C-alpha atoms as a PDB file:
ATOM      1  CA  VAL A   1       1.824 -18.267   5.088  1.00  0.00           C
ATOM      2  CA  MET A   2       2.717 -14.911   3.507  1.00  0.00           C
ATOM      3  CA  GLN A   3       0.143 -15.438   0.785  1.00  0.00           C
ATOM      4  CA  ARG A   4      -2.533 -16.067   3.406  1.00  0.00           C
ATOM      5  CA  LEU A   5      -1.424 -13.115   5.572  1.00  0.00           C
ATOM      6  CA  SER A   6      -1.419 -10.815   2.563  1.00  0.00           C
ATOM      7  CA  PHE A   7      -4.921 -11.945   1.560  1.00  0.00           C
ATOM      8  CA  ILE A   8      -6.237 -11.446   5.101  1.00  0.00           C
ATOM      9  CA  SER A   9      -4.677  -7.985   5.246  1.00  0.00           C
ATOM     10  CA  LEU A  10      -5.834  -7.023   1.747  1.00  0.00           C
ATOM     11  CA  ARG A  11      -9.341  -8.206   2.571  1.00  0.00           C
ATOM     12  CA  GLN A  12      -9.341  -6.157   5.770  1.00  0.00           C
ATOM     13  CA  LEU A  13      -8.041  -3.110   3.943  1.00  0.00           C
ATOM     14  CA  PHE A  14     -10.146  -3.228   0.800  1.00  0.00           C
ATOM     15  CA  VAL A  15     -13.323  -5.068   1.809  1.00  0.00           C
ATOM     16  CA  THR A  16     -14.145  -4.371   5.444  1.00  0.00           C
ATOM     17  CA  GLY A  17     -12.188  -1.142   5.837  1.00  0.00           C
ATOM     18  CA  PHE A  18     -11.075  -2.091   9.351  1.00  0.00           C
ATOM     19  CA  PHE A  19      -7.386  -2.929   9.481  1.00  0.00           C
ATOM     20  CA  HIS A  20      -4.670  -3.941  11.896  1.00  0.00           C
ATOM     21  CA  GLY A  21      -2.220  -1.062  11.909  1.00  0.00           C
ATOM     22  CA  ASP A  22       0.878  -3.036  12.898  1.00  0.00           C
ATOM     23  CA  PRO A  23       0.954  -6.435  11.116  1.00  0.00           C
ATOM     24  CA  HIS A  24       4.544  -7.379  11.979  1.00  0.00           C
ATOM     25  CA  PRO A  25       5.589 -10.990  12.837  1.00  0.00           C
ATOM     26  CA  GLY A  26       5.227 -10.376  16.587  1.00  0.00           C
ATOM     27  CA  ASN A  27       1.536  -9.628  16.079  1.00  0.00           C
ATOM     28  CA  VAL A  28       0.832 -12.673  13.927  1.00  0.00           C
ATOM     29  CA  ILE A  29       0.163 -16.148  15.310  1.00  0.00           C
ATOM     30  CA  ILE A  30       0.066 -19.118  12.973  1.00  0.00           C
ATOM     31  CA  LEU A  31      -2.470 -21.554  14.381  1.00  0.00           C
ATOM     32  CA  PRO A  32      -2.065 -25.357  14.174  1.00  0.00           C
ATOM     33  CA  ASP A  33      -4.504 -25.613  11.247  1.00  0.00           C
ATOM     34  CA  ASN A  34      -2.539 -22.927   9.316  1.00  0.00           C
ATOM     35  CA  ARG A  35      -5.058 -20.217  10.062  1.00  0.00           C
ATOM     36  CA  ILE A  36      -3.635 -16.844  11.001  1.00  0.00           C
ATOM     37  CA  ALA A  37      -4.569 -14.849  14.089  1.00  0.00           C
ATOM     38  CA  LEU A  38      -3.691 -11.192  14.476  1.00  0.00           C
ATOM     39  CA  ILE A  39      -3.119  -9.916  18.005  1.00  0.00           C
ATOM     40  CA  ASP A  40      -2.426  -6.559  19.682  1.00  0.00           C
ATOM     41  CA  PHE A  41      -4.829  -4.147  18.052  1.00  0.00           C
ATOM     42  CA  GLY A  42      -3.209  -1.169  19.788  1.00  0.00           C
ATOM     43  CA  ILE A  43      -2.837   0.414  16.356  1.00  0.00           C
ATOM     44  CA  PHE A  44      -5.737   0.055  13.958  1.00  0.00           C
ATOM     45  CA  GLY A  45      -7.654   2.077  11.455  1.00  0.00           C
ATOM     46  CA  GLU A  46     -10.848   2.092   9.501  1.00  0.00           C
ATOM     47  CA  LEU A  47     -11.421   3.465   6.047  1.00  0.00           C
ATOM     48  CA  ALA A  48     -14.776   4.889   5.040  1.00  0.00           C
ATOM     49  CA  PRO A  49     -16.436   3.133   2.080  1.00  0.00           C
ATOM     50  CA  SER A  50     -15.502   6.023  -0.239  1.00  0.00           C
ATOM     51  CA  GLU A  51     -11.836   5.846   0.856  1.00  0.00           C
ATOM     52  CA  ARG A  52     -11.799   2.055   0.375  1.00  0.00           C
ATOM     53  CA  GLU A  53     -13.114   2.467  -3.149  1.00  0.00           C
ATOM     54  CA  ILE A  54     -10.455   5.058  -4.000  1.00  0.00           C
ATOM     55  CA  TRP A  55      -7.675   2.875  -2.544  1.00  0.00           C
ATOM     56  CA  ARG A  56      -9.085  -0.187  -4.304  1.00  0.00           C
ATOM     57  CA  ARG A  57      -9.038   1.655  -7.635  1.00  0.00           C
ATOM     58  CA  HIS A  58      -5.563   3.075  -6.942  1.00  0.00           C
ATOM     59  CA  PHE A  59      -3.988  -0.291  -6.130  1.00  0.00           C
ATOM     60  CA  ARG A  60      -5.853  -2.148  -8.857  1.00  0.00           C
ATOM     61  CA  ALA A  61      -4.537   0.405 -11.363  1.00  0.00           C
ATOM     62  CA  PHE A  62      -1.005   0.111  -9.970  1.00  0.00           C
ATOM     63  CA  ALA A  63      -1.132  -3.696  -9.947  1.00  0.00           C
ATOM     64  CA  THR A  64      -2.201  -3.743 -13.601  1.00  0.00           C
ATOM     65  CA  GLY A  65       0.289  -1.080 -14.710  1.00  0.00           C
ATOM     66  CA  ASP A  66      -2.132   1.815 -15.261  1.00  0.00           C
ATOM     67  CA  MET A  67      -0.115   4.538 -13.540  1.00  0.00           C
ATOM     68  CA  ARG A  68      -2.241   7.411 -14.857  1.00  0.00           C
ATOM     69  CA  GLU A  69      -5.334   5.938 -13.218  1.00  0.00           C
ATOM     70  CA  ALA A  70      -3.335   5.185 -10.047  1.00  0.00           C
ATOM     71  CA  ILE A  71      -2.302   8.840  -9.766  1.00  0.00           C
ATOM     72  CA  PHE A  72      -5.802  10.049 -10.630  1.00  0.00           C
ATOM     73  CA  GLN A  73      -7.261   7.953  -7.802  1.00  0.00           C
ATOM     74  CA  TYR A  74      -4.527   8.951  -5.339  1.00  0.00           C
ATOM     75  CA  GLY A  75      -5.249  12.588  -6.172  1.00  0.00           C
ATOM     76  CA  LYS A  76      -8.717  12.135  -4.658  1.00  0.00           C
ATOM     77  CA  LEU A  77      -7.084  11.475  -1.267  1.00  0.00           C
ATOM     78  CA  ILE A  78      -4.785  14.481  -1.083  1.00  0.00           C
ATOM     79  CA  ILE A  79      -5.604  17.725   0.661  1.00  0.00           C
ATOM     80  CA  SER A  80      -4.356  20.846  -1.032  1.00  0.00           C
ATOM     81  CA  GLU A  81      -3.719  24.312   0.321  1.00  0.00           C
ATOM     82  CA  PRO A  82      -3.735  27.627  -1.583  1.00  0.00           C
ATOM     83  CA  ASP A  83       0.027  27.353  -2.190  1.00  0.00           C
ATOM     84  CA  SER A  84      -0.064  23.664  -3.239  1.00  0.00           C
ATOM     85  CA  ASP A  85       1.016  22.606  -6.719  1.00  0.00           C
ATOM     86  CA  VAL A  86      -1.219  19.631  -7.530  1.00  0.00           C
ATOM     87  CA  VAL A  87      -0.312  19.533 -11.238  1.00  0.00           C
ATOM     88  CA  ALA A  88       3.436  19.337 -10.543  1.00  0.00           C
ATOM     89  CA  PHE A  89       2.790  16.683  -7.884  1.00  0.00           C
ATOM     90  CA  GLN A  90       0.784  14.555 -10.308  1.00  0.00           C
ATOM     91  CA  ARG A  91       3.444  14.878 -13.027  1.00  0.00           C
ATOM     92  CA  GLU A  92       6.294  13.883 -10.677  1.00  0.00           C
ATOM     93  CA  ALA A  93       4.247  11.164  -8.956  1.00  0.00           C
ATOM     94  CA  LEU A  94       3.443   9.580 -12.322  1.00  0.00           C
ATOM     95  CA  LEU A  95       7.134   9.379 -13.237  1.00  0.00           C
ATOM     96  CA  MET A  96       7.997   8.016  -9.797  1.00  0.00           C
ATOM     97  CA  LEU A  97       5.283   5.337  -9.884  1.00  0.00           C
ATOM     98  CA  GLU A  98       6.314   4.228 -13.370  1.00  0.00           C
ATOM     99  CA  GLN A  99       9.893   3.663 -12.146  1.00  0.00           C
ATOM    100  CA  ILE A 100       8.717   1.785  -9.064  1.00  0.00           C
ATOM    101  CA  TYR A 101       6.349  -0.363 -11.130  1.00  0.00           C
ATOM    102  CA  LEU A 102       9.233  -1.361 -13.408  1.00  0.00           C
ATOM    103  CA  ALA A 103      11.280  -2.368 -10.356  1.00  0.00           C
ATOM    104  CA  TYR A 104       8.351  -4.475  -9.068  1.00  0.00           C
ATOM    105  CA  ARG A 105       8.002  -6.188 -12.442  1.00  0.00           C
ATOM    106  CA  ASN A 106      11.709  -7.011 -12.716  1.00  0.00           C
ATOM    107  CA  PRO A 107      12.462 -10.242 -10.826  1.00  0.00           C
ATOM    108  CA  GLU A 108      16.137  -9.241 -10.789  1.00  0.00           C
ATOM    109  CA  SER A 109      15.404  -6.127  -8.719  1.00  0.00           C
ATOM    110  CA  PRO A 110      16.653  -6.476  -5.142  1.00  0.00           C
ATOM    111  CA  PRO A 111      13.917  -6.685  -2.479  1.00  0.00           C
ATOM    112  CA  GLU A 112      14.626  -3.177  -1.166  1.00  0.00           C
ATOM    113  CA  GLN A 113      13.720  -1.755  -4.604  1.00  0.00           C
ATOM    114  CA  ARG A 114      10.439  -3.704  -4.557  1.00  0.00           C
ATOM    115  CA  HIS A 115       9.504  -2.700  -1.020  1.00  0.00           C
ATOM    116  CA  ILE A 116       6.398  -0.546  -0.696  1.00  0.00           C
ATOM    117  CA  ALA A 117       8.305   1.636   1.778  1.00  0.00           C
ATOM    118  CA  ARG A 118      10.278   2.921  -1.210  1.00  0.00           C
ATOM    119  CA  SER A 119       7.159   4.108  -3.025  1.00  0.00           C
ATOM    120  CA  SER A 120       5.490   5.471   0.097  1.00  0.00           C
ATOM    121  CA  ALA A 121       8.633   7.409   1.092  1.00  0.00           C
ATOM    122  CA  ALA A 122       8.927   8.852  -2.409  1.00  0.00           C
ATOM    123  CA  MET A 123       5.218   9.739  -2.422  1.00  0.00           C
ATOM    124  CA  PHE A 124       5.485  11.513   0.934  1.00  0.00           C
ATOM    125  CA  ASP A 125       8.554  13.417  -0.242  1.00  0.00           C
ATOM    126  CA  LEU A 126       6.522  14.647  -3.211  1.00  0.00           C
ATOM    127  CA  LEU A 127       3.574  15.549  -0.999  1.00  0.00           C
ATOM    128  CA  ARG A 128       5.872  17.686   1.179  1.00  0.00           C
ATOM    129  CA  GLN A 129       7.628  19.222  -1.807  1.00  0.00           C
ATOM    130  CA  TYR A 130       4.353  20.341  -3.381  1.00  0.00           C
ATOM    131  CA  ARG A 131       2.709  21.304  -0.069  1.00  0.00           C
ATOM    132  CA  LEU A 132       0.019  18.640  -0.004  1.00  0.00           C
ATOM    133  CA  ARG A 133      -1.337  16.504   2.839  1.00  0.00           C
ATOM    134  CA  VAL A 134      -3.284  13.322   3.482  1.00  0.00           C
ATOM    135  CA  THR A 135      -5.511  12.471   6.432  1.00  0.00           C
ATOM    136  CA  LEU A 136      -4.047  10.729   9.451  1.00  0.00           C
ATOM    137  CA  ASN A 137      -6.100   7.627   8.678  1.00  0.00           C
ATOM    138  CA  ASN A 138      -4.681   7.431   5.149  1.00  0.00           C
ATOM    139  CA  LEU A 139      -1.188   7.884   6.560  1.00  0.00           C
ATOM    140  CA  LEU A 140      -1.838   4.959   8.916  1.00  0.00           C
ATOM    141  CA  PHE A 141      -3.077   2.948   5.939  1.00  0.00           C
ATOM    142  CA  TRP A 142       0.291   3.469   4.187  1.00  0.00           C
ATOM    143  CA  ARG A 143       2.100   2.525   7.392  1.00  0.00           C
ATOM    144  CA  THR A 144       0.126  -0.720   7.541  1.00  0.00           C
ATOM    145  CA  LEU A 145       1.078  -1.608   3.977  1.00  0.00           C
ATOM    146  CA  VAL A 146       4.737  -0.882   4.736  1.00  0.00           C
ATOM    147  CA  ALA A 147       4.633  -3.099   7.858  1.00  0.00           C
ATOM    148  CA  LEU A 148       2.907  -5.890   5.921  1.00  0.00           C
ATOM    149  CA  ASN A 149       5.474  -5.698   3.150  1.00  0.00           C
ATOM    150  CA  ALA A 150       8.369  -5.608   5.649  1.00  0.00           C
ATOM    151  CA  SER A 151       6.978  -8.706   7.385  1.00  0.00           C
ATOM    152  CA  ALA A 152       6.646 -10.440   4.038  1.00  0.00           C
ATOM    153  CA  PHE A 153      10.261  -9.726   3.123  1.00  0.00           C
ATOM    154  CA  ARG A 154      11.508 -10.980   6.498  1.00  0.00           C
ATOM    155  CA  LEU A 155       9.647 -14.248   6.085  1.00  0.00           C
ATOM    156  CA  SER A 156      10.185 -14.617   2.347  1.00  0.00           C
ATOM    157  CA  PRO A 157      12.495 -12.212   0.453  1.00  0.00           C
ATOM    158  CA  ASP A 158      10.984 -13.397  -2.826  1.00  0.00           C
ATOM    159  CA  PHE A 159       7.418 -12.546  -1.787  1.00  0.00           C
ATOM    160  CA  ASP A 160       5.662 -10.600  -4.532  1.00  0.00           C
ATOM    161  CA  LEU A 161       3.235  -8.115  -2.954  1.00  0.00           C
ATOM    162  CA  LEU A 162       2.334  -6.718  -6.361  1.00  0.00           C
ATOM    163  CA  GLY A 163       1.507 -10.229  -7.557  1.00  0.00           C
ATOM    164  CA  ALA A 164      -0.571 -10.822  -4.420  1.00  0.00           C
ATOM    165  CA  GLN A 165      -2.445  -7.589  -5.107  1.00  0.00           C
ATOM    166  CA  ARG A 166      -3.126  -8.590  -8.727  1.00  0.00           C
ATOM    167  CA  GLU A 167      -4.370 -12.003  -7.589  1.00  0.00           C
ATOM    168  CA  PHE A 168      -6.537 -10.423  -4.889  1.00  0.00           C
ATOM    169  CA  PHE A 169      -8.188  -8.045  -7.339  1.00  0.00           C
ATOM    170  CA  GLU A 170      -8.717 -10.832  -9.877  1.00  0.00           C
ATOM    171  CA  ARG A 171     -10.631 -12.817  -7.235  1.00  0.00           C
END
């Protein structure tokens, strides 16, 4: 079920651009033929084709271990101000993503270290520290991934979101 839900969500996010913004278990119905129905679209978002391509490249790079490319792509989504320090952000974000990737790759890592909320929280801390922003829609996109990952861990603590992403991009 989690594999199917993750593929539906990844397809929505990376192919159509329209996504359910709150994919928690209360908004998911498993139908008798094992199809999945999402309900309550009170929170939703839509990524423009250019944003989808950037996110696709970012997550493909992360899923395959290319952290430099992941940070390069993510950098296309940030909004800087005159007092922003983009170079310092990129340097720190690269180190942070490398550590998180290693935790994802280690099957002995506890689920909380493999949860996407960890990387998104660290990324947002860095954005604040270096005075950078993202659009509201991209913030909602992160929230959706966190909710999807949280649902996955509730249903199956061994669920491998990174593996699901790699498989999705291979298809």
